Amino acid sequence: MKYTEKQTLAEKTAQNLLEMIQEKGYGAGDKLPTEAELVETLGVGRNTVREALRILMSRNIVTIRQGSGTFISDKNGVADDPLGFFMMDDRRQLTEDLLQARLILEPALAALAAQNGSEEEIKELEYILKELEGLIRDKKDYSEKDSQFHAQIATCSHNRVMTNLIPVITEGVRVFADSVEETEYEQTLLSHRRIFEAIRDGRGEDARQEMYFHLMYNHNRYRKE
């Protein structure tokens, strides 16, 4: 690994730590070695390790929990607003554009999920779906669980770019689609179940179509408000 002369020791240490994380296959939620262990492994002082961890935390790669230790962040190194949504002033147009982006991307992802999803990933998708269905039946806010459902489909697709991108898009829709006055329950319940069953059964084209119908329904509904 070549470093530029302008890099600080902490920045070099952060890069070395990131390479260690990648080499050892750490995943979201995994706990890193203790500070003392990192000092020994990386061959630098305690203050340098702390600064390196702060650098990685600022990049959403790790999260530090006081009294518990340092863990791999579930944000996968994705910035909180990587596409600059919060700087866009026309919120309604932005929401329509995000919904349109989902129409372009997610039907294909659903087909890939049906083709590539592992048994464990499909079980996790079903678990999320059941939680989502419970919230819908109780007529509670299900928006966060809905986002998790779509993010898990991206995970099932085994496309690592989309695994990071789809949560950003769905969160954008969730935040900005605030002009829809009435929450849709019945159609949401039905469409998510159909999408899941198509993915579970490996029916790629059906999964594609069910996702398209679901998103098109929401897009048209939003535009009517």
Protein backbone atom coordinates (compact mmCIF):
# COMPACT_ATOMS: atom_id res chain seq x y z
CA MET A 1 0.00 0.00 0.00
CA LYS A 2 1.50 3.36 -1.03
CA TYR A 3 0.77 6.42 1.02
CA THR A 4 1.00 10.05 0.01
CA GLU A 5 3.41 12.25 1.93
CA LYS A 6 0.49 14.40 3.06
CA GLN A 7 -1.29 11.57 4.85
CA THR A 8 -1.12 11.70 8.62
CA LEU A 9 -0.21 8.67 10.70
CA ALA A 10 -3.85 8.43 11.79
CA GLU A 11 -5.03 8.38 8.16
CA LYS A 12 -2.50 5.69 7.28
CA THR A 13 -3.61 3.71 10.33
CA ALA A 14 -7.27 4.10 9.32
CA GLN A 15 -6.41 2.68 5.89
CA ASN A 16 -4.52 -0.22 7.45
CA LEU A 17 -7.44 -0.90 9.77
CA LEU A 18 -9.87 -0.83 6.85
CA GLU A 19 -7.72 -3.35 4.99
CA MET A 20 -7.67 -5.55 8.09
CA ILE A 21 -11.49 -5.38 8.27
CA GLN A 22 -11.76 -6.41 4.61
CA GLU A 23 -9.19 -9.20 4.86
CA LYS A 24 -10.78 -10.74 7.94
CA GLY A 25 -14.27 -10.54 6.45
CA TYR A 26 -15.91 -8.47 9.18
CA GLY A 27 -19.59 -7.76 8.51
CA ALA A 28 -22.22 -5.36 9.83
CA GLY A 29 -22.59 -5.68 13.60
CA ASP A 30 -19.32 -7.56 14.12
CA LYS A 31 -17.18 -6.37 17.00
CA LEU A 32 -13.60 -5.28 16.34
CA PRO A 33 -10.67 -6.19 18.60
CA THR A 34 -10.16 -4.04 21.68
CA GLU A 35 -8.24 -0.80 21.53
CA ALA A 36 -5.25 -2.46 23.22
CA GLU A 37 -5.29 -5.29 20.69
CA LEU A 38 -5.44 -2.83 17.79
CA VAL A 39 -2.47 -0.94 19.23
CA GLU A 40 -0.45 -4.15 19.16
CA THR A 41 -1.72 -5.33 15.75
CA LEU A 42 -1.25 -1.99 13.99
CA GLY A 43 1.98 -1.04 15.72
CA VAL A 44 0.95 2.50 16.66
CA GLY A 45 0.05 4.36 19.82
CA ARG A 46 -3.33 4.41 21.56
CA ASN A 47 -4.11 7.98 20.51
CA THR A 48 -3.39 7.13 16.87
CA VAL A 49 -5.74 4.14 17.04
CA ARG A 50 -8.46 6.31 18.55
CA GLU A 51 -8.06 8.93 15.83
CA ALA A 52 -8.10 6.22 13.13
CA LEU A 53 -11.33 4.82 14.56
CA ARG A 54 -12.86 8.30 14.56
CA ILE A 55 -11.94 8.64 10.88
CA LEU A 56 -13.66 5.35 10.06
CA MET A 57 -16.65 6.33 12.19
CA SER A 58 -17.03 9.58 10.23
CA ARG A 59 -17.15 7.47 7.07
CA ASN A 60 -19.90 5.21 8.50
CA ILE A 61 -17.58 2.20 8.46
CA VAL A 62 -17.54 1.62 12.21
CA THR A 63 -19.64 2.72 15.14
CA ILE A 64 -18.33 3.21 18.67
CA ARG A 65 -20.57 2.25 21.58
CA GLN A 66 -19.42 3.57 24.91
CA GLY A 67 -18.74 0.73 27.32
CA SER A 68 -19.27 -1.94 24.64
CA GLY A 69 -16.55 -1.41 22.05
CA THR A 70 -16.24 -0.75 18.33
CA PHE A 71 -18.49 -2.46 15.79
CA ILE A 72 -18.84 -2.56 12.01
CA SER A 73 -21.57 -0.11 11.01
CA ASP A 74 -24.67 -1.40 9.24
CA LYS A 75 -24.40 1.62 6.91
CA ASN A 76 -21.67 -0.18 4.92
CA GLY A 77 -19.57 2.97 4.62
CA VAL A 78 -22.38 4.84 2.87
CA ALA A 79 -22.66 8.52 3.76
CA ASP A 80 -25.90 9.64 5.39
CA ASP A 81 -26.83 11.68 2.30
CA PRO A 82 -24.46 10.46 -0.46
CA LEU A 83 -26.58 11.74 -3.33
CA GLY A 84 -27.20 15.20 -1.85
CA PHE A 85 -30.98 14.84 -1.52
CA PHE A 86 -31.22 17.28 1.37
CA MET A 87 -29.78 20.09 -0.74
CA MET A 88 -32.51 19.78 -3.36
CA ASP A 89 -35.22 22.38 -2.82
CA ASP A 90 -38.12 20.89 -4.84
CA ARG A 91 -39.15 18.06 -2.52
CA ARG A 92 -42.11 16.90 -4.57
CA GLN A 93 -40.14 16.68 -7.80
CA LEU A 94 -37.36 14.89 -5.94
CA THR A 95 -39.82 12.31 -4.59
CA GLU A 96 -41.23 11.71 -8.06
CA ASP A 97 -37.71 11.31 -9.44
CA LEU A 98 -36.85 8.83 -6.67
CA LEU A 99 -40.00 6.83 -7.34
CA GLN A 100 -39.11 6.79 -11.03
CA ALA A 101 -35.59 5.57 -10.18
CA ARG A 102 -37.10 2.74 -8.17
CA LEU A 103 -39.29 1.78 -11.13
CA ILE A 104 -36.18 1.53 -13.29
CA LEU A 105 -34.07 -0.44 -10.80
CA GLU A 106 -36.14 -2.54 -8.42
CA PRO A 107 -38.12 -4.81 -10.78
CA ALA A 108 -34.80 -6.10 -12.18
CA LEU A 109 -33.46 -6.48 -8.65
CA ALA A 110 -36.48 -8.54 -7.64
CA ALA A 111 -35.82 -10.86 -10.58
CA LEU A 112 -32.17 -11.17 -9.53
CA ALA A 113 -33.25 -11.86 -5.95
CA ALA A 114 -35.40 -14.76 -7.16
CA GLN A 115 -32.42 -16.10 -9.07
CA ASN A 116 -29.61 -15.49 -6.56
CA GLY A 117 -31.09 -15.27 -3.06
CA SER A 118 -29.76 -17.87 -0.61
CA GLU A 119 -32.05 -19.86 1.68
CA GLU A 120 -30.88 -17.82 4.66
CA GLU A 121 -31.41 -14.51 2.86
CA ILE A 122 -34.92 -15.54 1.78
CA LYS A 123 -35.74 -16.53 5.37
CA GLU A 124 -34.62 -13.09 6.53
CA LEU A 125 -36.82 -11.51 3.86
CA GLU A 126 -39.78 -13.55 5.12
CA TYR A 127 -39.06 -12.52 8.71
CA ILE A 128 -39.09 -8.84 7.70
CA LEU A 129 -42.27 -9.40 5.69
CA LYS A 130 -44.08 -10.92 8.67
CA GLU A 131 -43.11 -7.98 10.86
CA LEU A 132 -44.29 -5.63 8.10
CA GLU A 133 -47.59 -7.47 7.78
CA GLY A 134 -48.14 -7.26 11.54
CA LEU A 135 -47.67 -3.49 11.49
CA ILE A 136 -50.00 -3.14 8.50
CA ARG A 137 -52.74 -5.23 10.13
CA ASP A 138 -52.47 -3.11 13.27
CA LYS A 139 -52.56 0.00 11.08
CA LYS A 140 -49.28 1.26 12.52
CA ASP A 141 -46.46 3.14 10.80
CA TYR A 142 -44.71 0.53 8.67
CA SER A 143 -42.46 2.81 6.58
CA GLU A 144 -39.17 1.79 8.18
CA LYS A 145 -39.97 -1.92 7.92
CA ASP A 146 -41.05 -1.37 4.31
CA SER A 147 -37.62 0.12 3.58
CA GLN A 148 -35.96 -2.89 5.23
CA PHE A 149 -37.99 -5.24 3.01
CA HIS A 150 -36.79 -3.56 -0.17
CA ALA A 151 -33.22 -3.34 1.12
CA GLN A 152 -33.24 -7.08 1.83
CA ILE A 153 -34.39 -7.77 -1.72
CA ALA A 154 -31.32 -5.85 -2.89
CA THR A 155 -29.21 -8.05 -0.60
CA CYS A 156 -30.81 -11.17 -2.11
CA SER A 157 -29.88 -9.94 -5.59
CA HIS A 158 -26.18 -10.27 -4.73
CA ASN A 159 -25.49 -6.99 -6.52
CA ARG A 160 -23.27 -5.15 -4.06
CA VAL A 161 -23.75 -1.76 -5.71
CA MET A 162 -27.52 -1.99 -5.39
CA THR A 163 -27.29 -3.35 -1.86
CA ASN A 164 -25.89 0.05 -0.89
CA LEU A 165 -27.90 2.18 -3.29
CA ILE A 166 -31.45 0.92 -2.76
CA PRO A 167 -31.59 1.78 0.98
CA VAL A 168 -30.52 5.32 0.09
CA ILE A 169 -33.31 5.64 -2.47
CA THR A 170 -36.02 4.05 -0.31
CA GLU A 171 -35.05 6.23 2.64
CA GLY A 172 -35.28 9.27 0.40
CA VAL A 173 -38.78 8.30 -0.64
CA ARG A 174 -39.76 7.65 2.98
CA VAL A 175 -38.51 11.04 4.13
CA PHE A 176 -39.87 13.16 1.31
CA ALA A 177 -43.16 11.46 0.38
CA ASP A 178 -45.04 13.37 3.06
CA SER A 179 -47.80 14.74 0.87
CA VAL A 180 -49.63 11.41 0.67
CA GLU A 181 -52.44 12.07 3.09
CA GLU A 182 -53.77 8.54 3.57
CA THR A 183 -51.67 5.48 4.31
CA GLU A 184 -52.32 2.50 2.05
CA TYR A 185 -52.70 -0.77 3.95
CA GLU A 186 -54.62 -3.37 1.96
CA GLN A 187 -52.78 -3.04 -1.36
CA THR A 188 -49.41 -2.86 0.41
CA LEU A 189 -50.15 -6.06 2.29
CA LEU A 190 -51.11 -7.90 -0.88
CA SER A 191 -48.31 -6.64 -3.11
CA HIS A 192 -45.49 -7.37 -0.66
CA ARG A 193 -46.73 -10.91 -0.12
CA ARG A 194 -46.86 -11.51 -3.89
CA ILE A 195 -43.35 -10.12 -4.38
CA PHE A 196 -41.99 -12.31 -1.60
CA GLU A 197 -43.66 -15.50 -2.84
CA ALA A 198 -42.31 -14.97 -6.36
CA ILE A 199 -38.78 -14.46 -5.00
CA ARG A 200 -39.09 -17.42 -2.62
CA ASP A 201 -40.25 -19.70 -5.42
CA GLY A 202 -37.51 -18.59 -7.80
CA ARG A 203 -39.98 -17.09 -10.28
CA GLY A 204 -37.82 -14.27 -11.60
CA GLU A 205 -40.16 -12.83 -14.21
CA ASP A 206 -43.13 -12.91 -11.83
CA ALA A 207 -41.02 -11.16 -9.18
CA ARG A 208 -40.11 -8.50 -11.74
CA GLN A 209 -43.73 -7.91 -12.69
CA GLU A 210 -45.05 -7.90 -9.12
CA MET A 211 -42.43 -5.34 -8.09
CA TYR A 212 -43.25 -3.20 -11.12
CA PHE A 213 -46.99 -3.27 -10.37
CA HIS A 214 -46.33 -2.41 -6.71
CA LEU A 215 -44.10 0.56 -7.48
CA MET A 216 -46.28 1.80 -10.34
CA TYR A 217 -49.31 1.75 -8.05
CA ASN A 218 -47.45 3.86 -5.47
CA HIS A 219 -46.10 6.21 -8.12
CA ASN A 220 -49.53 6.86 -9.60
CA ARG A 221 -51.05 7.28 -6.16
CA TYR A 222 -48.43 9.85 -5.18
CA ARG A 223 -48.95 11.85 -8.37
CA LYS A 224 -52.71 12.05 -7.72
CA GLU A 225 -52.25 13.64 -4.29
